[in-house]
Amino acid sequence: MRRTKLSEEEKLLKEISYKLDQLITLAKLSSMEKIKKFKIKIRSDKISARILDSSDGSLSYSKLVEKVSEELGCAQITVMKKISELKEMGFLITERKGKEVLYDKSGLFE
C-alpha cells in the first residue's frame, strides 16, 4: 500500500514539474525582449555577472557575498544589494538546507 502511494506522489510531482517547466517557457517567450535587455544589463555589470557565475546551489548567502566581494575587490554591501536585485528579478532562486540558504540560477538567464 505504501509503495503505491509513493508512486502516485512521484507521478504527481513529475506532472507538476512538467507543468511548471511549460509555464516558465511561456513566460520566457512572452518576455523575450525584456529578458534580453536584462541579460545585457546584467552581463555588463561585473558584480551581477560574477554572482550568477558563482551561483550553483552550493554557496550560502554569506559565502557567496564573501567570495564575490573578495574576487572583485568590492564592498560586501554592494554584493548584497546586487544579490537582492537578481533575486527580485527572478534570476536567482534559493533553497533552504538546515540553517543555510543556498543560491542558484533560476534558469531565466540561460
Protein backbone atom coordinates (compact mmCIF):
# COMPACT_ATOMS: atom_id res chain seq x y z
CA MET A 1 0.00 0.00 0.00
CA ARG A 2 2.73 2.47 0.93
CA ARG A 3 4.67 1.74 -2.28
CA THR A 4 1.60 2.53 -4.40
CA LYS A 5 1.06 5.83 -2.61
CA LEU A 6 4.67 6.85 -3.09
CA SER A 7 4.41 6.01 -6.76
CA GLU A 8 1.28 8.18 -7.08
CA GLU A 9 3.08 11.04 -5.32
CA GLU A 10 6.04 10.68 -7.67
CA LYS A 11 3.73 10.80 -10.69
CA LEU A 12 2.04 13.91 -9.34
CA LEU A 13 5.39 15.61 -8.67
CA LYS A 14 6.58 14.81 -12.20
CA GLU A 15 3.37 16.24 -13.63
CA ILE A 16 3.70 19.40 -11.55
CA SER A 17 7.35 19.76 -12.58
CA TYR A 18 6.42 19.37 -16.25
CA LYS A 19 3.67 21.99 -15.99
CA LEU A 20 5.99 24.41 -14.20
CA ASP A 21 8.56 23.97 -16.97
CA GLN A 22 5.84 24.79 -19.50
CA LEU A 23 4.86 27.93 -17.58
CA ILE A 24 8.48 29.06 -17.39
CA THR A 25 8.87 28.54 -21.12
CA LEU A 26 5.71 30.56 -21.83
CA ALA A 27 6.86 33.33 -19.50
CA LYS A 28 10.22 33.44 -21.26
CA LEU A 29 8.62 33.57 -24.69
CA SER A 30 6.23 36.34 -23.74
CA SER A 31 9.04 38.39 -22.19
CA MET A 32 11.95 37.68 -24.53
CA GLU A 33 12.73 41.32 -25.29
CA LYS A 34 12.69 42.31 -21.63
CA ILE A 35 14.82 39.30 -20.69
CA LYS A 36 17.33 40.16 -23.44
CA LYS A 37 17.64 43.71 -22.09
CA PHE A 38 18.16 42.40 -18.55
CA LYS A 39 20.76 39.90 -19.76
CA ILE A 40 22.73 42.65 -21.48
CA LYS A 41 22.47 44.89 -18.42
CA ILE A 42 23.48 42.11 -16.03
CA ARG A 43 26.36 40.79 -18.14
CA SER A 44 27.74 44.32 -18.46
CA ASP A 45 27.74 44.62 -14.65
CA LYS A 46 30.75 42.64 -13.45
CA ILE A 47 29.35 42.12 -9.94
CA SER A 48 25.99 40.76 -11.14
CA ALA A 49 27.72 38.59 -13.73
CA ARG A 50 30.09 37.14 -11.12
CA ILE A 51 27.20 36.46 -8.74
CA LEU A 52 25.39 34.49 -11.43
CA ASP A 53 28.55 32.66 -12.44
CA SER A 54 29.17 31.69 -8.80
CA SER A 55 25.59 30.68 -8.00
CA ASP A 56 25.46 26.93 -8.47
CA GLY A 57 23.41 25.91 -5.45
CA SER A 58 26.44 25.17 -3.28
CA LEU A 59 27.08 28.56 -1.65
CA SER A 60 25.20 30.13 1.20
CA TYR A 61 24.33 33.81 1.14
CA SER A 62 27.27 34.82 3.33
CA LYS A 63 29.76 32.68 1.40
CA LEU A 64 28.51 33.99 -1.93
CA VAL A 65 28.81 37.59 -0.72
CA GLU A 66 32.29 36.96 0.65
CA LYS A 67 33.51 35.15 -2.48
CA VAL A 68 32.31 37.78 -4.96
CA SER A 69 33.48 40.65 -2.76
CA GLU A 70 36.98 39.19 -2.43
CA GLU A 71 37.30 38.23 -6.10
CA LEU A 72 36.26 41.66 -7.38
CA GLY A 73 37.58 43.82 -4.55
CA CYS A 74 34.22 45.46 -3.94
CA ALA A 75 32.21 46.20 -0.79
CA GLN A 76 30.11 43.38 0.61
CA ILE A 77 27.09 45.69 0.89
CA THR A 78 27.27 46.24 -2.89
CA VAL A 79 27.25 42.47 -3.50
CA MET A 80 24.33 42.08 -1.07
CA LYS A 81 22.30 44.68 -2.97
CA LYS A 82 23.06 43.01 -6.31
CA ILE A 83 22.00 39.59 -4.95
CA SER A 84 18.75 41.13 -3.76
CA GLU A 85 18.14 42.71 -7.18
CA LEU A 86 18.89 39.46 -9.03
CA LYS A 87 16.58 37.52 -6.74
CA GLU A 88 13.82 40.12 -7.17
CA MET A 89 14.17 39.94 -10.97
CA GLY A 90 13.87 36.16 -10.84
CA PHE A 91 17.42 35.34 -11.95
CA LEU A 92 18.35 33.77 -8.60
CA ILE A 93 16.46 31.24 -6.52
CA THR A 94 17.09 30.00 -3.01
CA GLU A 95 16.90 26.66 -1.30
CA ARG A 96 16.99 26.23 2.44
CA LYS A 97 19.20 23.45 3.80
CA GLY A 98 19.05 23.47 7.56
CA LYS A 99 20.01 26.95 8.70
CA GLU A 100 21.69 27.86 5.42
CA VAL A 101 20.08 29.43 2.38
CA LEU A 102 21.81 28.33 -0.82
CA TYR A 103 21.73 30.35 -4.05
CA ASP A 104 21.32 29.03 -7.58
CA LYS A 105 20.45 30.41 -11.01
CA SER A 106 16.74 30.20 -11.80
CA GLY A 107 17.17 29.28 -15.44
CA LEU A 108 15.72 32.54 -16.77
CA PHE A 109 19.19 33.73 -17.68
CA GLU A 110 20.00 30.72 -19.82
